[in-house]
């Protein structure tokens, strides 16, 4: 049997993803390994990229409430929802929860 490198063996059994450094794909050979501080900084940058202003959040919540209200008004309609009773019930619960937001 031919000897396979570890990377090839891991790929063969579905563990190839374990060797990926997702945050550091561009790290060159010989460069120092990333530290916990590097990972924290990279994560904080991702969080900052996804942050919204308070006005944007308020608008998003308002839109969600409007859409859910429209769907609740549709009610139990089997031509729209496959499981209409469960969908209508879930939408009413969502509507009730959204009243507590914003």
C-alpha atoms as a PDB file:
ATOM      1  CA  UNK A   1       0.000   0.000   0.000  1.00  0.00           C
ATOM      2  CA  UNK A   2       1.270   3.443  -0.968  1.00  0.00           C
ATOM      3  CA  UNK A   3       2.077   5.830   1.878  1.00  0.00           C
ATOM      4  CA  UNK A   4      -0.150   8.895   1.905  1.00  0.00           C
ATOM      5  CA  UNK A   5       0.704  12.175   3.536  1.00  0.00           C
ATOM      6  CA  UNK A   6      -1.389  13.118   6.554  1.00  0.00           C
ATOM      7  CA  UNK A   7      -3.243  15.815   4.610  1.00  0.00           C
ATOM      8  CA  UNK A   8      -4.380  13.300   1.977  1.00  0.00           C
ATOM      9  CA  UNK A   9      -5.452  10.791   4.645  1.00  0.00           C
ATOM     10  CA  UNK A  10      -7.525  13.418   6.435  1.00  0.00           C
ATOM     11  CA  UNK A  11      -9.200  14.454   3.182  1.00  0.00           C
ATOM     12  CA  UNK A  12      -9.999  10.820   2.415  1.00  0.00           C
ATOM     13  CA  UNK A  13     -11.850  10.372   5.699  1.00  0.00           C
ATOM     14  CA  UNK A  14     -13.582  13.758   5.528  1.00  0.00           C
ATOM     15  CA  UNK A  15     -11.366  15.641   7.953  1.00  0.00           C
ATOM     16  CA  UNK A  16      -9.589  17.920   5.499  1.00  0.00           C
ATOM     17  CA  UNK A  17     -11.388  20.959   6.897  1.00  0.00           C
ATOM     18  CA  UNK A  18      -9.458  20.481  10.138  1.00  0.00           C
ATOM     19  CA  UNK A  19      -6.259  21.654   8.461  1.00  0.00           C
ATOM     20  CA  UNK A  20      -7.648  24.959   7.222  1.00  0.00           C
ATOM     21  CA  UNK A  21      -6.766  28.177   8.966  1.00  0.00           C
ATOM     22  CA  UNK A  22      -9.925  29.958   7.891  1.00  0.00           C
ATOM     23  CA  UNK A  23      -8.874  33.371   9.143  1.00  0.00           C
ATOM     24  CA  UNK A  24      -5.324  33.067   7.932  1.00  0.00           C
ATOM     25  CA  UNK A  25      -5.539  31.663   4.396  1.00  0.00           C
ATOM     26  CA  UNK A  26      -2.858  34.065   3.173  1.00  0.00           C
ATOM     27  CA  UNK A  27      -0.233  33.152   5.797  1.00  0.00           C
ATOM     28  CA  UNK A  28       3.057  32.288   4.157  1.00  0.00           C
ATOM     29  CA  UNK A  29       5.379  29.485   5.187  1.00  0.00           C
ATOM     30  CA  UNK A  30       7.767  30.630   7.905  1.00  0.00           C
ATOM     31  CA  UNK A  31       5.587  33.449   9.192  1.00  0.00           C
ATOM     32  CA  UNK A  32       4.688  33.243  12.892  1.00  0.00           C
ATOM     33  CA  UNK A  33       1.527  31.412  13.804  1.00  0.00           C
ATOM     34  CA  UNK A  34      -1.445  33.569  14.765  1.00  0.00           C
ATOM     35  CA  UNK A  35      -1.941  34.233  18.465  1.00  0.00           C
ATOM     36  CA  UNK A  36      -5.167  34.506  20.445  1.00  0.00           C
ATOM     37  CA  UNK A  37      -4.833  38.292  20.223  1.00  0.00           C
ATOM     38  CA  UNK A  38      -4.749  37.994  16.414  1.00  0.00           C
ATOM     39  CA  UNK A  39      -7.930  35.904  16.425  1.00  0.00           C
ATOM     40  CA  UNK A  40      -9.672  38.337  18.790  1.00  0.00           C
ATOM     41  CA  UNK A  41      -8.712  41.269  16.571  1.00  0.00           C
ATOM     42  CA  UNK A  42      -9.937  39.475  13.428  1.00  0.00           C
ATOM     43  CA  UNK A  43     -13.230  38.591  15.129  1.00  0.00           C
ATOM     44  CA  UNK A  44     -13.720  42.151  16.357  1.00  0.00           C
ATOM     45  CA  UNK A  45     -13.176  43.414  12.801  1.00  0.00           C
ATOM     46  CA  UNK A  46     -15.875  41.033  11.543  1.00  0.00           C
ATOM     47  CA  UNK A  47     -18.261  42.229  14.249  1.00  0.00           C
ATOM     48  CA  UNK A  48     -17.566  45.870  13.406  1.00  0.00           C
ATOM     49  CA  UNK A  49     -18.246  45.216   9.712  1.00  0.00           C
ATOM     50  CA  UNK A  50     -21.676  43.766  10.548  1.00  0.00           C
ATOM     51  CA  UNK A  51     -22.742  46.456  12.997  1.00  0.00           C
ATOM     52  CA  UNK A  52     -25.665  48.757  12.245  1.00  0.00           C
ATOM     53  CA  UNK A  53     -26.499  52.223  13.452  1.00  0.00           C
ATOM     54  CA  UNK A  54     -29.418  52.562  15.891  1.00  0.00           C
ATOM     55  CA  UNK A  55     -31.497  54.206  13.157  1.00  0.00           C
ATOM     56  CA  UNK A  56     -30.852  51.287  10.767  1.00  0.00           C
ATOM     57  CA  UNK A  57     -31.866  48.770  13.450  1.00  0.00           C
ATOM     58  CA  UNK A  58     -35.044  50.704  14.193  1.00  0.00           C
ATOM     59  CA  UNK A  59     -35.933  50.735  10.478  1.00  0.00           C
ATOM     60  CA  UNK A  60     -35.264  47.008  10.126  1.00  0.00           C
ATOM     61  CA  UNK A  61     -37.437  46.194  13.141  1.00  0.00           C
ATOM     62  CA  UNK A  62     -40.192  48.470  11.822  1.00  0.00           C
ATOM     63  CA  UNK A  63     -40.108  46.708   8.441  1.00  0.00           C
ATOM     64  CA  UNK A  64     -40.215  43.299  10.122  1.00  0.00           C
ATOM     65  CA  UNK A  65     -43.262  44.328  12.149  1.00  0.00           C
ATOM     66  CA  UNK A  66     -45.038  45.586   9.004  1.00  0.00           C
ATOM     67  CA  UNK A  67     -44.359  42.380   7.063  1.00  0.00           C
ATOM     68  CA  UNK A  68     -45.431  40.129   9.925  1.00  0.00           C
ATOM     69  CA  UNK A  69     -48.608  42.195  10.397  1.00  0.00           C
ATOM     70  CA  UNK A  70     -49.431  41.758   6.697  1.00  0.00           C
ATOM     71  CA  UNK A  71     -48.873  37.998   6.928  1.00  0.00           C
ATOM     72  CA  UNK A  72     -51.017  37.713  10.060  1.00  0.00           C
ATOM     73  CA  UNK A  73     -53.851  39.469   8.200  1.00  0.00           C
ATOM     74  CA  UNK A  74     -53.680  36.745   5.532  1.00  0.00           C
ATOM     75  CA  UNK A  75     -54.674  34.280   8.247  1.00  0.00           C
ATOM     76  CA  UNK A  76     -55.236  30.582   7.616  1.00  0.00           C
ATOM     77  CA  UNK A  77     -54.925  30.343   3.841  1.00  0.00           C
ATOM     78  CA  UNK A  78     -53.970  26.946   2.440  1.00  0.00           C
ATOM     79  CA  UNK A  79     -53.350  28.432  -1.014  1.00  0.00           C
ATOM     80  CA  UNK A  80     -50.414  30.417   0.427  1.00  0.00           C
ATOM     81  CA  UNK A  81     -49.113  28.315   3.327  1.00  0.00           C
ATOM     82  CA  UNK A  82     -48.605  24.574   3.100  1.00  0.00           C
ATOM     83  CA  UNK A  83     -49.426  24.101   6.779  1.00  0.00           C
ATOM     84  CA  UNK A  84     -51.713  27.110   7.163  1.00  0.00           C
ATOM     85  CA  UNK A  85     -52.868  26.605  10.758  1.00  0.00           C
ATOM     86  CA  UNK A  86     -49.342  26.166  12.110  1.00  0.00           C
ATOM     87  CA  UNK A  87     -48.060  29.066   9.993  1.00  0.00           C
ATOM     88  CA  UNK A  88     -50.811  31.402  11.185  1.00  0.00           C
ATOM     89  CA  UNK A  89     -50.189  30.409  14.792  1.00  0.00           C
ATOM     90  CA  UNK A  90     -46.426  30.927  14.467  1.00  0.00           C
ATOM     91  CA  UNK A  91     -46.902  34.307  12.810  1.00  0.00           C
ATOM     92  CA  UNK A  92     -49.173  35.451  15.643  1.00  0.00           C
ATOM     93  CA  UNK A  93     -46.506  34.428  18.161  1.00  0.00           C
ATOM     94  CA  UNK A  94     -43.859  36.307  16.187  1.00  0.00           C
ATOM     95  CA  UNK A  95     -46.116  39.351  16.014  1.00  0.00           C
ATOM     96  CA  UNK A  96     -46.595  39.243  19.784  1.00  0.00           C
ATOM     97  CA  UNK A  97     -42.830  38.947  20.369  1.00  0.00           C
ATOM     98  CA  UNK A  98     -42.039  41.789  17.973  1.00  0.00           C
ATOM     99  CA  UNK A  99     -44.274  44.119  20.007  1.00  0.00           C
ATOM    100  CA  UNK A 100     -41.677  43.826  22.777  1.00  0.00           C
ATOM    101  CA  UNK A 101     -38.833  44.838  20.428  1.00  0.00           C
ATOM    102  CA  UNK A 102     -37.997  48.464  19.711  1.00  0.00           C
END
